[in-house]
Protein backbone atom coordinates (compact mmCIF):
# COMPACT_ATOMS: atom_id res chain seq x y z
CA UNK A 1 -17.62 107.18 -52.23
CA UNK A 2 -14.74 104.98 -50.74
CA UNK A 3 -13.10 104.54 -47.61
CA UNK A 4 -10.08 102.57 -46.18
CA UNK A 5 -10.14 101.78 -42.12
CA UNK A 6 -6.35 101.15 -40.85
CA UNK A 7 -7.25 98.73 -37.81
CA UNK A 8 -4.14 98.69 -35.35
CA UNK A 9 -4.31 97.43 -31.49
CA UNK A 10 -2.67 100.42 -28.93
CA UNK A 11 0.69 100.97 -28.31
CA UNK A 12 1.24 98.75 -25.01
CA UNK A 13 -1.16 95.96 -25.68
CA UNK A 14 0.57 92.53 -26.72
CA UNK A 15 0.53 91.29 -30.01
CA UNK A 16 1.09 87.68 -30.58
CA UNK A 17 0.45 87.39 -34.39
CA UNK A 18 2.94 90.08 -34.79
CA UNK A 19 5.09 88.42 -32.38
CA UNK A 20 4.39 85.32 -34.14
CA UNK A 21 5.81 86.42 -37.73
CA UNK A 22 8.53 88.03 -36.02
CA UNK A 23 9.95 84.77 -34.51
CA UNK A 24 9.12 83.13 -38.38
CA UNK A 25 10.81 85.74 -39.90
CA UNK A 26 14.08 85.75 -37.79
CA UNK A 27 13.80 81.46 -38.20
CA UNK A 28 14.02 82.20 -42.07
CA UNK A 29 16.86 83.84 -42.04
CA UNK A 30 15.74 87.88 -41.58
CA UNK A 31 17.41 88.70 -38.35
CA UNK A 32 17.19 92.23 -38.30
CA UNK A 33 13.41 91.78 -37.68
CA UNK A 34 13.39 93.42 -34.17
CA UNK A 35 9.39 93.92 -33.98
CA UNK A 36 5.85 93.35 -35.95
CA UNK A 37 2.68 95.16 -35.42
CA UNK A 38 -0.49 93.03 -37.56
CA UNK A 39 -3.51 94.90 -38.05
CA UNK A 40 -6.18 94.80 -40.52
CA UNK A 41 -7.18 97.09 -43.41
CA UNK A 42 -11.10 97.41 -44.15
CA UNK A 43 -11.89 98.90 -47.85
CA UNK A 44 -15.76 100.34 -47.35
CA UNK A 45 -17.34 101.53 -50.79
CA UNK A 46 -20.24 103.56 -49.51
CA UNK A 47 -23.51 105.62 -50.53
CA UNK A 48 -23.28 108.94 -51.99
CA UNK A 49 -24.01 111.27 -49.20
CA UNK A 50 -22.59 109.06 -46.57
CA UNK A 51 -20.57 111.35 -44.06
CA UNK A 52 -17.19 111.00 -42.49
CA UNK A 53 -18.81 111.07 -38.99
CA UNK A 54 -20.94 108.33 -40.42
CA UNK A 55 -17.90 106.40 -41.16
CA UNK A 56 -16.38 107.14 -37.68
CA UNK A 57 -19.83 105.75 -35.63
CA UNK A 58 -19.11 102.36 -37.68
CA UNK A 59 -15.85 101.75 -36.38
CA UNK A 60 -16.26 103.25 -33.09
CA UNK A 61 -19.73 100.43 -33.16
CA UNK A 62 -18.00 97.74 -35.09
CA UNK A 63 -14.84 97.58 -36.94
CA UNK A 64 -12.80 98.44 -34.81
CA UNK A 65 -12.60 97.24 -30.87
CA UNK A 66 -11.26 100.96 -29.41
CA UNK A 67 -10.41 99.34 -25.81
CA UNK A 68 -7.78 98.04 -27.21
CA UNK A 69 -7.32 99.09 -31.22
CA UNK A 70 -6.94 102.55 -32.59
CA UNK A 71 -8.14 102.86 -36.50
CA UNK A 72 -7.19 105.65 -39.05
CA UNK A 73 -9.71 106.59 -41.49
CA UNK A 74 -9.27 107.36 -45.47
CA UNK A 75 -11.87 108.92 -47.40
CA UNK A 76 -11.27 108.60 -51.39
């Protein structure tokens, strides 16, 4: 089984990496970019029988800092 976890900073949390990307795009002539939020994608290959609840626990305990980040899980 495969799972993909999308981790993003929560709304209201400053994103200095996203702001640096937005600034760099502007410097390259891409003036229409008003905001950038940067996150990460984590692909997991899981043993048969691994439950979504276990993936949630992985996210809560290690893959995301739930104080400042939110996540979404895609199972496939």
